[in-house]
Amino acid sequence: MTRRYWNINLEEMMQAGVHFGHGTRKWNPRMAPYISAKRKGIHITNLTRTARFLSEACDLVFDVASRGKQFLIVGTKNKAADSVARAAIKARNETSKFRDLRTEQKTGRLNRLPKRDAAMLKRQLSHLQTYLGGIKYMTGLPDIVIIVDQQEEYTALRECITLGIPTICLIDTNCDPDLADISIPANDDAIASIRLILNKLVFAICEGRSSYIRNP
């Protein structure tokens, strides 16, 4: 796999708060190699290592996207949902349930259902729009899953492991770095941190997709 330059800037990561971990009492000892210091009761992530693993992840998703493969981005907590939806729009993925409900809404079929059933399906559509609004064009199992917040999405991570689907995981200082194929140590609570990491990964995916379109 060829290594590329992804313009990963340590100062930019600091401004986004990528380096802020959890409190020193709430940590996983396996994260010790990724922690550079303690400050006011908070662990500080080593951004040099973050940059290294983020670059490796970008190389991987570029390579996979250049072969026309599918991605799924998972992140359902409130702080991550909007960034995940925007990232998924750019990465062009979709869940079948979301696609079916959107089709029923556009064709007016939802309005022809009994009020109770229509209301329930509209609530489901609203929920999916909130969390998966940009996950378009997915027709089968993804080839790589990108997970925001290992703790919050532990069930999804275990399912990927069971199915043998490679994972890229954004991990904070309370996570286990050994569970994902590529773990990116970073603040998984700050919106700016989540957005920065996802933007880098999605840019690499888009670059890979452009390569695939030019050389199918």
N, C-alpha and C. Protein backbone atom coordinates (compact mmCIF):
# COMPACT_ATOMS: atom_id res chain seq x y z
N MET A 1 0.84 -1.19 0.00
CA MET A 1 0.00 0.00 0.00
C MET A 1 0.88 1.25 0.00
N THR A 2 0.66 2.12 -0.98
CA THR A 2 1.48 3.33 -1.13
C THR A 2 1.14 4.35 -0.04
N ARG A 3 2.15 4.96 0.55
CA ARG A 3 1.95 6.01 1.53
C ARG A 3 1.81 7.35 0.82
N ARG A 4 0.81 8.13 1.26
CA ARG A 4 0.53 9.42 0.63
C ARG A 4 0.55 10.53 1.68
N TYR A 5 0.54 11.76 1.18
CA TYR A 5 0.54 12.92 2.08
C TYR A 5 -0.89 13.42 2.23
N TRP A 6 -1.38 13.53 3.49
CA TRP A 6 -2.77 13.89 3.73
C TRP A 6 -2.91 15.22 4.48
N ASN A 7 -1.86 16.00 4.55
CA ASN A 7 -1.92 17.33 5.17
C ASN A 7 -2.47 17.26 6.60
N ILE A 8 -1.91 16.35 7.38
CA ILE A 8 -2.32 16.20 8.78
C ILE A 8 -1.42 17.08 9.63
N ASN A 9 -2.00 18.10 10.21
CA ASN A 9 -1.26 19.16 10.88
C ASN A 9 -1.45 19.09 12.39
N LEU A 10 -0.35 19.01 13.15
CA LEU A 10 -0.45 18.87 14.60
C LEU A 10 -1.10 20.10 15.23
N GLU A 11 -0.79 21.28 14.73
CA GLU A 11 -1.39 22.50 15.28
C GLU A 11 -2.89 22.52 15.06
N GLU A 12 -3.32 22.08 13.90
CA GLU A 12 -4.74 22.02 13.59
C GLU A 12 -5.45 21.04 14.55
N MET A 13 -4.80 19.92 14.84
CA MET A 13 -5.38 18.96 15.76
C MET A 13 -5.47 19.52 17.17
N MET A 14 -4.46 20.27 17.58
CA MET A 14 -4.49 20.89 18.91
C MET A 14 -5.64 21.90 19.02
N GLN A 15 -5.82 22.69 17.98
CA GLN A 15 -6.91 23.67 17.98
C GLN A 15 -8.28 23.00 18.06
N ALA A 16 -8.38 21.80 17.50
CA ALA A 16 -9.64 21.05 17.54
C ALA A 16 -9.81 20.27 18.84
N GLY A 17 -8.79 20.28 19.69
CA GLY A 17 -8.89 19.56 20.97
C GLY A 17 -8.75 18.06 20.84
N VAL A 18 -8.12 17.62 19.75
CA VAL A 18 -7.96 16.17 19.52
C VAL A 18 -7.17 15.52 20.65
N HIS A 19 -6.27 16.28 21.27
CA HIS A 19 -5.34 15.72 22.26
C HIS A 19 -5.94 15.53 23.65
N PHE A 20 -7.12 16.09 23.91
CA PHE A 20 -7.72 15.97 25.25
C PHE A 20 -8.37 14.61 25.43
N GLY A 21 -7.91 13.86 26.44
CA GLY A 21 -8.50 12.57 26.74
C GLY A 21 -9.49 12.68 27.90
N HIS A 22 -9.81 11.54 28.49
CA HIS A 22 -10.69 11.51 29.65
C HIS A 22 -9.89 11.77 30.93
N GLY A 23 -10.59 11.85 32.03
CA GLY A 23 -9.93 12.01 33.32
C GLY A 23 -9.01 10.83 33.61
N THR A 24 -7.98 11.09 34.39
CA THR A 24 -6.98 10.05 34.65
C THR A 24 -7.55 8.85 35.40
N ARG A 25 -8.69 9.04 36.09
CA ARG A 25 -9.32 7.92 36.78
C ARG A 25 -10.14 7.05 35.83
N LYS A 26 -10.47 7.60 34.66
CA LYS A 26 -11.31 6.90 33.70
C LYS A 26 -10.49 6.62 32.45
N TRP A 27 -9.67 5.57 32.54
CA TRP A 27 -8.81 5.27 31.40
C TRP A 27 -8.57 3.78 31.30
N ASN A 28 -8.14 3.36 30.12
CA ASN A 28 -7.78 1.97 29.89
C ASN A 28 -6.25 1.88 29.85
N PRO A 29 -5.64 1.09 30.74
CA PRO A 29 -4.17 0.99 30.77
C PRO A 29 -3.55 0.62 29.43
N ARG A 30 -4.30 -0.03 28.54
CA ARG A 30 -3.77 -0.38 27.23
C ARG A 30 -3.53 0.86 26.36
N MET A 31 -4.09 2.00 26.79
CA MET A 31 -3.88 3.24 26.04
C MET A 31 -2.59 3.95 26.44
N ALA A 32 -1.86 3.40 27.41
CA ALA A 32 -0.65 4.05 27.90
C ALA A 32 0.33 4.45 26.80
N PRO A 33 0.57 3.61 25.77
CA PRO A 33 1.52 4.00 24.72
C PRO A 33 1.07 5.21 23.90
N TYR A 34 -0.21 5.55 23.99
CA TYR A 34 -0.76 6.64 23.18
C TYR A 34 -0.94 7.92 23.99
N ILE A 35 -0.55 7.90 25.25
CA ILE A 35 -0.72 9.05 26.14
C ILE A 35 0.64 9.68 26.41
N SER A 36 0.70 10.99 26.25
CA SER A 36 1.99 11.67 26.41
C SER A 36 2.14 12.38 27.75
N ALA A 37 1.02 12.73 28.40
CA ALA A 37 1.12 13.49 29.65
C ALA A 37 -0.20 13.49 30.40
N LYS A 38 -0.14 14.02 31.63
CA LYS A 38 -1.34 14.27 32.43
C LYS A 38 -1.38 15.77 32.72
N ARG A 39 -2.58 16.35 32.60
CA ARG A 39 -2.70 17.78 32.85
C ARG A 39 -4.04 18.07 33.54
N LYS A 40 -3.94 18.56 34.78
CA LYS A 40 -5.14 18.91 35.56
C LYS A 40 -6.14 17.75 35.61
N GLY A 41 -5.59 16.56 35.87
CA GLY A 41 -6.45 15.39 36.02
C GLY A 41 -6.94 14.79 34.72
N ILE A 42 -6.39 15.23 33.59
CA ILE A 42 -6.83 14.73 32.28
C ILE A 42 -5.63 14.15 31.53
N HIS A 43 -5.83 13.02 30.89
CA HIS A 43 -4.78 12.46 30.06
C HIS A 43 -4.69 13.23 28.74
N ILE A 44 -3.46 13.43 28.26
CA ILE A 44 -3.22 14.12 27.00
C ILE A 44 -2.70 13.10 25.99
N THR A 45 -3.38 13.01 24.87
CA THR A 45 -3.00 12.05 23.83
C THR A 45 -1.78 12.54 23.06
N ASN A 46 -0.93 11.61 22.70
CA ASN A 46 0.26 11.91 21.90
C ASN A 46 -0.17 12.15 20.45
N LEU A 47 -0.17 13.41 20.03
CA LEU A 47 -0.67 13.75 18.69
C LEU A 47 0.22 13.25 17.57
N THR A 48 1.48 13.02 17.87
CA THR A 48 2.36 12.46 16.85
C THR A 48 1.90 11.07 16.46
N ARG A 49 1.48 10.30 17.45
CA ARG A 49 0.96 8.95 17.18
C ARG A 49 -0.42 9.03 16.52
N THR A 50 -1.22 10.03 16.94
CA THR A 50 -2.52 10.22 16.30
C THR A 50 -2.33 10.49 14.81
N ALA A 51 -1.40 11.38 14.49
CA ALA A 51 -1.13 11.72 13.09
C ALA A 51 -0.67 10.51 12.29
N ARG A 52 0.17 9.69 12.93
CA ARG A 52 0.68 8.49 12.24
C ARG A 52 -0.45 7.53 11.90
N PHE A 53 -1.31 7.23 12.87
CA PHE A 53 -2.38 6.26 12.64
C PHE A 53 -3.48 6.83 11.74
N LEU A 54 -3.72 8.14 11.83
CA LEU A 54 -4.69 8.76 10.94
C LEU A 54 -4.18 8.70 9.50
N SER A 55 -2.90 8.93 9.32
CA SER A 55 -2.31 8.84 7.98
C SER A 55 -2.42 7.41 7.43
N GLU A 56 -2.16 6.41 8.29
CA GLU A 56 -2.28 5.01 7.87
C GLU A 56 -3.73 4.69 7.48
N ALA A 57 -4.67 5.23 8.26
CA ALA A 57 -6.09 5.00 7.98
C ALA A 57 -6.48 5.64 6.65
N CYS A 58 -5.97 6.84 6.39
CA CYS A 58 -6.26 7.53 5.13
C CYS A 58 -5.69 6.74 3.95
N ASP A 59 -4.49 6.21 4.11
CA ASP A 59 -3.90 5.38 3.05
C ASP A 59 -4.78 4.16 2.78
N LEU A 60 -5.28 3.55 3.85
CA LEU A 60 -6.09 2.35 3.71
C LEU A 60 -7.41 2.65 2.99
N VAL A 61 -8.12 3.69 3.44
CA VAL A 61 -9.43 3.97 2.83
C VAL A 61 -9.27 4.44 1.38
N PHE A 62 -8.17 5.17 1.09
CA PHE A 62 -7.91 5.55 -0.30
C PHE A 62 -7.75 4.30 -1.16
N ASP A 63 -6.93 3.37 -0.68
CA ASP A 63 -6.67 2.14 -1.43
C ASP A 63 -7.95 1.35 -1.66
N VAL A 64 -8.77 1.23 -0.61
CA VAL A 64 -10.01 0.46 -0.71
C VAL A 64 -11.02 1.17 -1.62
N ALA A 65 -11.13 2.51 -1.47
CA ALA A 65 -12.06 3.27 -2.31
C ALA A 65 -11.64 3.24 -3.78
N SER A 66 -10.34 3.20 -4.03
CA SER A 66 -9.85 3.18 -5.42
C SER A 66 -10.18 1.86 -6.11
N ARG A 67 -10.62 0.87 -5.32
CA ARG A 67 -11.06 -0.41 -5.88
C ARG A 67 -12.58 -0.54 -5.88
N GLY A 68 -13.27 0.60 -5.62
CA GLY A 68 -14.73 0.63 -5.70
C GLY A 68 -15.45 -0.03 -4.54
N LYS A 69 -14.79 -0.13 -3.39
CA LYS A 69 -15.38 -0.82 -2.25
C LYS A 69 -16.30 0.10 -1.45
N GLN A 70 -17.07 -0.50 -0.52
CA GLN A 70 -18.08 0.21 0.25
C GLN A 70 -17.62 0.51 1.67
N PHE A 71 -18.09 1.64 2.20
CA PHE A 71 -17.76 2.05 3.56
C PHE A 71 -19.05 2.26 4.36
N LEU A 72 -18.94 2.07 5.68
CA LEU A 72 -20.01 2.43 6.59
C LEU A 72 -19.39 3.23 7.73
N ILE A 73 -19.99 4.38 8.03
CA ILE A 73 -19.53 5.22 9.13
C ILE A 73 -20.56 5.14 10.24
N VAL A 74 -20.12 4.73 11.44
CA VAL A 74 -21.03 4.51 12.57
C VAL A 74 -20.73 5.50 13.69
N GLY A 75 -21.75 6.21 14.11
CA GLY A 75 -21.61 7.14 15.23
C GLY A 75 -22.97 7.70 15.57
N THR A 76 -23.59 7.21 16.63
CA THR A 76 -24.98 7.56 16.92
C THR A 76 -25.17 8.53 18.07
N LYS A 77 -24.12 8.79 18.86
CA LYS A 77 -24.33 9.70 19.99
C LYS A 77 -24.52 11.12 19.46
N ASN A 78 -25.21 11.94 20.25
CA ASN A 78 -25.61 13.27 19.79
C ASN A 78 -24.44 14.11 19.27
N LYS A 79 -23.32 14.06 19.97
CA LYS A 79 -22.18 14.90 19.57
C LYS A 79 -21.59 14.47 18.23
N ALA A 80 -21.78 13.20 17.88
CA ALA A 80 -21.17 12.69 16.65
C ALA A 80 -22.13 12.63 15.48
N ALA A 81 -23.44 12.58 15.75
CA ALA A 81 -24.42 12.26 14.71
C ALA A 81 -24.36 13.19 13.51
N ASP A 82 -24.30 14.49 13.75
CA ASP A 82 -24.32 15.44 12.63
C ASP A 82 -23.06 15.30 11.79
N SER A 83 -21.91 15.17 12.44
CA SER A 83 -20.65 15.01 11.70
C SER A 83 -20.63 13.71 10.92
N VAL A 84 -21.19 12.65 11.51
CA VAL A 84 -21.26 11.36 10.83
C VAL A 84 -22.16 11.44 9.61
N ALA A 85 -23.33 12.10 9.77
CA ALA A 85 -24.25 12.24 8.65
C ALA A 85 -23.61 13.00 7.49
N ARG A 86 -22.91 14.10 7.81
CA ARG A 86 -22.25 14.88 6.77
C ARG A 86 -21.14 14.07 6.09
N ALA A 87 -20.39 13.33 6.91
CA ALA A 87 -19.31 12.51 6.36
C ALA A 87 -19.87 11.42 5.45
N ALA A 88 -20.99 10.82 5.86
CA ALA A 88 -21.58 9.74 5.08
C ALA A 88 -22.13 10.25 3.75
N ILE A 89 -22.64 11.49 3.75
CA ILE A 89 -23.12 12.08 2.49
C ILE A 89 -21.97 12.14 1.50
N LYS A 90 -20.82 12.62 1.97
CA LYS A 90 -19.67 12.74 1.08
C LYS A 90 -19.13 11.37 0.67
N ALA A 91 -19.19 10.40 1.60
CA ALA A 91 -18.64 9.08 1.31
C ALA A 91 -19.59 8.22 0.50
N ARG A 92 -20.86 8.66 0.35
CA ARG A 92 -21.87 8.00 -0.48
C ARG A 92 -22.12 6.55 -0.08
N ASN A 93 -22.84 6.40 1.04
CA ASN A 93 -23.28 5.09 1.52
C ASN A 93 -24.76 5.17 1.88
N GLU A 94 -25.40 4.02 2.06
CA GLU A 94 -26.81 4.05 2.45
C GLU A 94 -27.23 2.73 3.10
N THR A 95 -28.18 2.77 4.04
CA THR A 95 -28.77 1.56 4.60
C THR A 95 -30.06 1.28 3.85
N SER A 96 -30.36 -0.02 3.64
CA SER A 96 -31.55 -0.38 2.85
C SER A 96 -32.83 0.09 3.53
N LYS A 97 -32.91 0.01 4.85
CA LYS A 97 -34.13 0.42 5.55
C LYS A 97 -34.38 1.91 5.34
N PHE A 98 -33.31 2.68 5.44
CA PHE A 98 -33.43 4.12 5.24
C PHE A 98 -33.88 4.41 3.81
N ARG A 99 -33.28 3.70 2.85
CA ARG A 99 -33.62 3.90 1.44
C ARG A 99 -35.08 3.56 1.18
N ASP A 100 -35.56 2.44 1.76
CA ASP A 100 -36.95 2.02 1.55
C ASP A 100 -37.94 3.02 2.14
N LEU A 101 -37.65 3.50 3.35
CA LEU A 101 -38.55 4.46 3.98
C LEU A 101 -38.59 5.78 3.22
N ARG A 102 -37.45 6.20 2.73
CA ARG A 102 -37.42 7.45 1.94
C ARG A 102 -38.23 7.30 0.67
N THR A 103 -38.14 6.12 0.03
CA THR A 103 -38.90 5.87 -1.19
C THR A 103 -40.40 5.91 -0.91
N GLU A 104 -40.81 5.27 0.20
CA GLU A 104 -42.22 5.27 0.56
C GLU A 104 -42.73 6.67 0.86
N GLN A 105 -41.88 7.48 1.47
CA GLN A 105 -42.28 8.86 1.76
C GLN A 105 -42.42 9.66 0.47
N LYS A 106 -41.47 9.52 -0.44
CA LYS A 106 -41.50 10.29 -1.68
C LYS A 106 -42.67 9.89 -2.57
N THR A 107 -43.04 8.61 -2.57
CA THR A 107 -44.14 8.15 -3.43
C THR A 107 -45.50 8.35 -2.78
N GLY A 108 -45.52 8.79 -1.53
CA GLY A 108 -46.80 9.03 -0.85
C GLY A 108 -47.41 7.81 -0.19
N ARG A 109 -46.69 6.69 -0.21
CA ARG A 109 -47.23 5.46 0.37
C ARG A 109 -47.41 5.56 1.88
N LEU A 110 -46.54 6.31 2.53
CA LEU A 110 -46.67 6.47 3.99
C LEU A 110 -47.99 7.12 4.35
N ASN A 111 -48.42 8.08 3.53
CA ASN A 111 -49.66 8.80 3.84
C ASN A 111 -50.90 7.95 3.60
N ARG A 112 -50.75 6.85 2.87
CA ARG A 112 -51.91 5.98 2.61
C ARG A 112 -52.07 4.89 3.66
N LEU A 113 -51.09 4.80 4.58
CA LEU A 113 -51.16 3.82 5.66
C LEU A 113 -52.05 4.33 6.78
N PRO A 114 -52.54 3.41 7.65
CA PRO A 114 -53.27 3.86 8.84
C PRO A 114 -52.43 4.87 9.62
N LYS A 115 -53.07 5.85 10.23
CA LYS A 115 -52.36 6.95 10.88
C LYS A 115 -51.32 6.46 11.87
N ARG A 116 -51.68 5.44 12.65
CA ARG A 116 -50.75 4.94 13.68
C ARG A 116 -49.50 4.36 13.04
N ASP A 117 -49.68 3.53 11.98
CA ASP A 117 -48.54 2.93 11.29
C ASP A 117 -47.68 3.99 10.61
N ALA A 118 -48.35 4.96 9.97
CA ALA A 118 -47.62 6.02 9.28
C ALA A 118 -46.80 6.85 10.26
N ALA A 119 -47.39 7.14 11.43
CA ALA A 119 -46.69 7.93 12.43
C ALA A 119 -45.45 7.19 12.94
N MET A 120 -45.58 5.87 13.14
CA MET A 120 -44.46 5.07 13.63
C MET A 120 -43.33 5.04 12.60
N LEU A 121 -43.67 4.84 11.31
CA LEU A 121 -42.66 4.79 10.27
C LEU A 121 -41.99 6.15 10.05
N LYS A 122 -42.78 7.22 10.21
CA LYS A 122 -42.21 8.56 10.06
C LYS A 122 -41.22 8.85 11.19
N ARG A 123 -41.55 8.34 12.40
CA ARG A 123 -40.61 8.51 13.51
C ARG A 123 -39.31 7.76 13.23
N GLN A 124 -39.46 6.53 12.68
CA GLN A 124 -38.27 5.75 12.33
C GLN A 124 -37.44 6.47 11.27
N LEU A 125 -38.11 7.04 10.27
CA LEU A 125 -37.42 7.76 9.21
C LEU A 125 -36.69 8.98 9.78
N SER A 126 -37.36 9.67 10.70
CA SER A 126 -36.74 10.84 11.32
C SER A 126 -35.50 10.44 12.10
N HIS A 127 -35.60 9.31 12.83
CA HIS A 127 -34.46 8.81 13.60
C HIS A 127 -33.31 8.45 12.67
N LEU A 128 -33.61 7.74 11.58
CA LEU A 128 -32.57 7.35 10.64
C LEU A 128 -31.98 8.56 9.93
N GLN A 129 -32.84 9.55 9.65
CA GLN A 129 -32.34 10.77 9.01
C GLN A 129 -31.34 11.48 9.92
N THR A 130 -31.64 11.47 11.22
CA THR A 130 -30.76 12.12 12.18
C THR A 130 -29.40 11.46 12.23
N TYR A 131 -29.42 10.11 12.30
CA TYR A 131 -28.16 9.40 12.51
C TYR A 131 -27.50 8.86 11.24
N LEU A 132 -28.32 8.58 10.22
CA LEU A 132 -27.78 7.93 9.03
C LEU A 132 -28.13 8.68 7.75
N GLY A 133 -28.47 9.95 7.90
CA GLY A 133 -28.99 10.70 6.76
C GLY A 133 -28.10 10.71 5.54
N GLY A 134 -26.81 10.57 5.72
CA GLY A 134 -25.93 10.62 4.56
C GLY A 134 -25.40 9.27 4.12
N ILE A 135 -25.89 8.18 4.70
CA ILE A 135 -25.34 6.86 4.38
C ILE A 135 -26.04 6.32 3.14
N LYS A 136 -25.56 6.69 1.97
CA LYS A 136 -26.26 6.42 0.72
C LYS A 136 -25.56 5.38 -0.13
N TYR A 137 -26.36 4.73 -0.97
CA TYR A 137 -25.88 3.84 -2.02
C TYR A 137 -25.28 2.53 -1.53
N MET A 138 -25.51 2.14 -0.31
CA MET A 138 -24.97 0.87 0.16
C MET A 138 -25.92 -0.27 -0.18
N THR A 139 -25.42 -1.30 -0.86
CA THR A 139 -26.26 -2.41 -1.32
C THR A 139 -25.95 -3.72 -0.62
N GLY A 140 -24.86 -3.80 0.14
CA GLY A 140 -24.51 -5.02 0.84
C GLY A 140 -23.66 -4.70 2.05
N LEU A 141 -22.99 -5.72 2.58
CA LEU A 141 -22.11 -5.49 3.72
C LEU A 141 -20.97 -4.55 3.33
N PRO A 142 -20.58 -3.66 4.22
CA PRO A 142 -19.47 -2.75 3.91
C PRO A 142 -18.15 -3.50 3.91
N ASP A 143 -17.18 -2.96 3.20
CA ASP A 143 -15.84 -3.54 3.17
C ASP A 143 -14.99 -3.01 4.31
N ILE A 144 -15.31 -1.80 4.78
CA ILE A 144 -14.63 -1.21 5.95
C ILE A 144 -15.67 -0.42 6.74
N VAL A 145 -15.60 -0.52 8.06
CA VAL A 145 -16.48 0.27 8.92
C VAL A 145 -15.63 1.24 9.74
N ILE A 146 -16.02 2.51 9.70
CA ILE A 146 -15.36 3.56 10.48
C ILE A 146 -16.25 3.85 11.68
N ILE A 147 -15.70 3.72 12.89
CA ILE A 147 -16.48 3.84 14.11
C ILE A 147 -16.02 5.03 14.94
N VAL A 148 -16.97 5.88 15.29
CA VAL A 148 -16.71 7.02 16.16
C VAL A 148 -17.17 6.66 17.57
N ASP A 149 -16.26 6.59 18.51
CA ASP A 149 -16.52 6.24 19.91
C ASP A 149 -16.71 4.74 20.10
N GLN A 150 -15.62 4.09 20.41
CA GLN A 150 -15.62 2.63 20.62
C GLN A 150 -16.57 2.20 21.72
N GLN A 151 -16.61 2.95 22.81
CA GLN A 151 -17.45 2.58 23.94
C GLN A 151 -18.93 2.62 23.55
N GLU A 152 -19.32 3.70 22.88
CA GLU A 152 -20.72 3.89 22.50
C GLU A 152 -21.17 2.87 21.45
N GLU A 153 -20.28 2.52 20.55
CA GLU A 153 -20.62 1.64 19.42
C GLU A 153 -19.99 0.26 19.57
N TYR A 154 -19.85 -0.20 20.82
CA TYR A 154 -19.17 -1.47 21.08
C TYR A 154 -19.88 -2.65 20.39
N THR A 155 -21.22 -2.63 20.38
CA THR A 155 -21.98 -3.71 19.74
C THR A 155 -21.66 -3.78 18.26
N ALA A 156 -21.62 -2.62 17.60
CA ALA A 156 -21.29 -2.59 16.18
C ALA A 156 -19.88 -3.10 15.93
N LEU A 157 -18.95 -2.72 16.82
CA LEU A 157 -17.56 -3.17 16.68
C LEU A 157 -17.46 -4.68 16.81
N ARG A 158 -18.14 -5.26 17.80
CA ARG A 158 -18.11 -6.71 17.99
C ARG A 158 -18.72 -7.43 16.78
N GLU A 159 -19.77 -6.85 16.21
CA GLU A 159 -20.40 -7.46 15.04
C GLU A 159 -19.44 -7.46 13.85
N CYS A 160 -18.70 -6.39 13.69
CA CYS A 160 -17.70 -6.32 12.62
C CYS A 160 -16.62 -7.38 12.81
N ILE A 161 -16.19 -7.54 14.05
CA ILE A 161 -15.17 -8.56 14.35
C ILE A 161 -15.71 -9.94 14.01
N THR A 162 -16.96 -10.21 14.38
CA THR A 162 -17.58 -11.51 14.10
C THR A 162 -17.67 -11.76 12.60
N LEU A 163 -18.03 -10.72 11.84
CA LEU A 163 -18.22 -10.86 10.39
C LEU A 163 -16.91 -10.74 9.62
N GLY A 164 -15.83 -10.39 10.32
CA GLY A 164 -14.53 -10.25 9.65
C GLY A 164 -14.42 -8.98 8.82
N ILE A 165 -15.17 -7.94 9.20
CA ILE A 165 -15.11 -6.67 8.48
C ILE A 165 -14.05 -5.78 9.12
N PRO A 166 -13.07 -5.31 8.38
CA PRO A 166 -12.03 -4.44 8.95
C PRO A 166 -12.64 -3.16 9.52
N THR A 167 -12.06 -2.67 10.61
CA THR A 167 -12.58 -1.47 11.26
C THR A 167 -11.49 -0.44 11.48
N ILE A 168 -11.90 0.81 11.37
CA ILE A 168 -11.08 1.96 11.76
C ILE A 168 -11.85 2.62 12.88
N CYS A 169 -11.21 2.79 14.03
CA CYS A 169 -11.93 3.26 15.21
C CYS A 169 -11.27 4.49 15.81
N LEU A 170 -12.08 5.51 16.06
CA LEU A 170 -11.62 6.67 16.80
C LEU A 170 -11.70 6.32 18.28
N ILE A 171 -10.55 6.31 18.97
CA ILE A 171 -10.52 5.83 20.35
C ILE A 171 -10.03 6.91 21.31
N ASP A 172 -10.73 7.06 22.40
CA ASP A 172 -10.32 7.98 23.46
C ASP A 172 -9.52 7.20 24.49
N THR A 173 -9.09 7.85 25.55
CA THR A 173 -8.17 7.22 26.51
C THR A 173 -8.84 6.15 27.38
N ASN A 174 -10.17 5.98 27.25
CA ASN A 174 -10.86 4.94 28.01
C ASN A 174 -11.15 3.71 27.14
N CYS A 175 -10.55 3.63 25.95
CA CYS A 175 -10.86 2.55 25.00
C CYS A 175 -9.76 1.50 24.95
N ASP A 176 -10.04 0.42 24.20
CA ASP A 176 -9.07 -0.65 23.99
C ASP A 176 -8.54 -0.54 22.57
N PRO A 177 -7.28 -0.15 22.40
CA PRO A 177 -6.73 0.06 21.05
C PRO A 177 -6.54 -1.22 20.25
N ASP A 178 -6.63 -2.38 20.92
CA ASP A 178 -6.36 -3.64 20.24
C ASP A 178 -7.57 -4.23 19.52
N LEU A 179 -8.75 -3.63 19.69
CA LEU A 179 -9.96 -4.22 19.12
C LEU A 179 -10.14 -3.90 17.64
N ALA A 180 -9.70 -2.73 17.20
CA ALA A 180 -9.89 -2.32 15.80
C ALA A 180 -8.65 -2.64 14.97
N ASP A 181 -8.82 -2.70 13.66
CA ASP A 181 -7.70 -2.94 12.77
C ASP A 181 -6.76 -1.74 12.75
N ILE A 182 -7.34 -0.54 12.72
CA ILE A 182 -6.57 0.69 12.89
C ILE A 182 -7.29 1.54 13.93
N SER A 183 -6.60 1.85 15.02
CA SER A 183 -7.15 2.69 16.08
C SER A 183 -6.51 4.07 16.01
N ILE A 184 -7.34 5.10 15.97
CA ILE A 184 -6.84 6.48 15.91
C ILE A 184 -7.09 7.14 17.26
N PRO A 185 -6.06 7.32 18.08
CA PRO A 185 -6.25 7.93 19.40
C PRO A 185 -6.62 9.40 19.26
N ALA A 186 -7.81 9.75 19.79
CA ALA A 186 -8.30 11.12 19.64
C ALA A 186 -9.48 11.36 20.58
N ASN A 187 -9.77 12.60 20.80
CA ASN A 187 -10.90 13.02 21.63
C ASN A 187 -12.21 12.66 20.91
N ASP A 188 -12.99 11.75 21.49
CA ASP A 188 -14.24 11.34 20.85
C ASP A 188 -15.45 12.05 21.44
N ASP A 189 -15.22 13.10 22.23
CA ASP A 189 -16.32 13.88 22.80
C ASP A 189 -16.46 15.26 22.16
N ALA A 190 -15.37 15.84 21.70
CA ALA A 190 -15.41 17.18 21.12
C ALA A 190 -15.84 17.11 19.65
N ILE A 191 -16.85 17.90 19.30
CA ILE A 191 -17.36 17.91 17.93
C ILE A 191 -16.26 18.27 16.93
N ALA A 192 -15.43 19.27 17.29
CA ALA A 192 -14.36 19.69 16.38
C ALA A 192 -13.36 18.57 16.13
N SER A 193 -13.07 17.79 17.15
CA SER A 193 -12.14 16.67 17.02
C SER A 193 -12.72 15.59 16.11
N ILE A 194 -13.98 15.23 16.35
CA ILE A 194 -14.65 14.21 15.53
C ILE A 194 -14.70 14.65 14.08
N ARG A 195 -15.07 15.92 13.88
CA ARG A 195 -15.20 16.44 12.52
C ARG A 195 -13.87 16.44 11.78
N LEU A 196 -12.79 16.82 12.48
CA LEU A 196 -11.48 16.85 11.83
C LEU A 196 -11.05 15.46 11.37
N ILE A 197 -11.18 14.48 12.26
CA ILE A 197 -10.78 13.11 11.91
C ILE A 197 -11.61 12.59 10.75
N LEU A 198 -12.94 12.77 10.81
CA LEU A 198 -13.80 12.28 9.74
C LEU A 198 -13.53 13.00 8.43
N ASN A 199 -13.27 14.30 8.49
CA ASN A 199 -12.99 15.04 7.26
C ASN A 199 -11.76 14.50 6.55
N LYS A 200 -10.72 14.16 7.32
CA LYS A 200 -9.50 13.61 6.71
C LYS A 200 -9.80 12.26 6.05
N LEU A 201 -10.54 11.42 6.75
CA LEU A 201 -10.85 10.09 6.22
C LEU A 201 -11.75 10.19 4.98
N VAL A 202 -12.75 11.05 5.04
CA VAL A 202 -13.68 11.19 3.91
C VAL A 202 -12.96 11.78 2.70
N PHE A 203 -12.06 12.73 2.94
CA PHE A 203 -11.28 13.29 1.83
C PHE A 203 -10.50 12.17 1.13
N ALA A 204 -9.89 11.30 1.93
CA ALA A 204 -9.12 10.18 1.35
C ALA A 204 -10.04 9.23 0.59
N ILE A 205 -11.25 8.98 1.12
CA ILE A 205 -12.22 8.13 0.42
C ILE A 205 -12.59 8.75 -0.91
N CYS A 206 -12.88 10.05 -0.91
CA CYS A 206 -13.28 10.74 -2.14
C CYS A 206 -12.16 10.73 -3.17
N GLU A 207 -10.92 10.91 -2.70
CA GLU A 207 -9.78 10.84 -3.61
C GLU A 207 -9.66 9.44 -4.22
N GLY A 208 -9.88 8.43 -3.39
CA GLY A 208 -9.83 7.06 -3.88
C GLY A 208 -10.94 6.77 -4.88
N ARG A 209 -12.13 7.29 -4.60
CA ARG A 209 -13.26 7.08 -5.52
C ARG A 209 -12.99 7.77 -6.86
N SER A 210 -12.39 8.95 -6.80
CA SER A 210 -12.04 9.65 -8.06
C SER A 210 -11.07 8.83 -8.88
N SER A 211 -10.12 8.21 -8.21
CA SER A 211 -9.16 7.34 -8.89
C SER A 211 -9.86 6.15 -9.53
N TYR A 212 -10.86 5.60 -8.81
CA TYR A 212 -11.62 4.45 -9.33
C TYR A 212 -12.43 4.83 -10.56
N ILE A 213 -13.04 6.03 -10.52
CA ILE A 213 -13.85 6.50 -11.66
C ILE A 213 -12.98 6.73 -12.88
N ARG A 214 -11.77 7.27 -12.66
CA ARG A 214 -10.86 7.53 -13.78
C ARG A 214 -10.28 6.24 -14.34
N ASN A 215 -10.07 5.25 -13.44
CA ASN A 215 -9.45 3.99 -13.87
C ASN A 215 -10.27 2.81 -13.38
N PRO A 216 -11.48 2.61 -13.90
CA PRO A 216 -12.37 1.54 -13.41
C PRO A 216 -11.79 0.15 -13.69
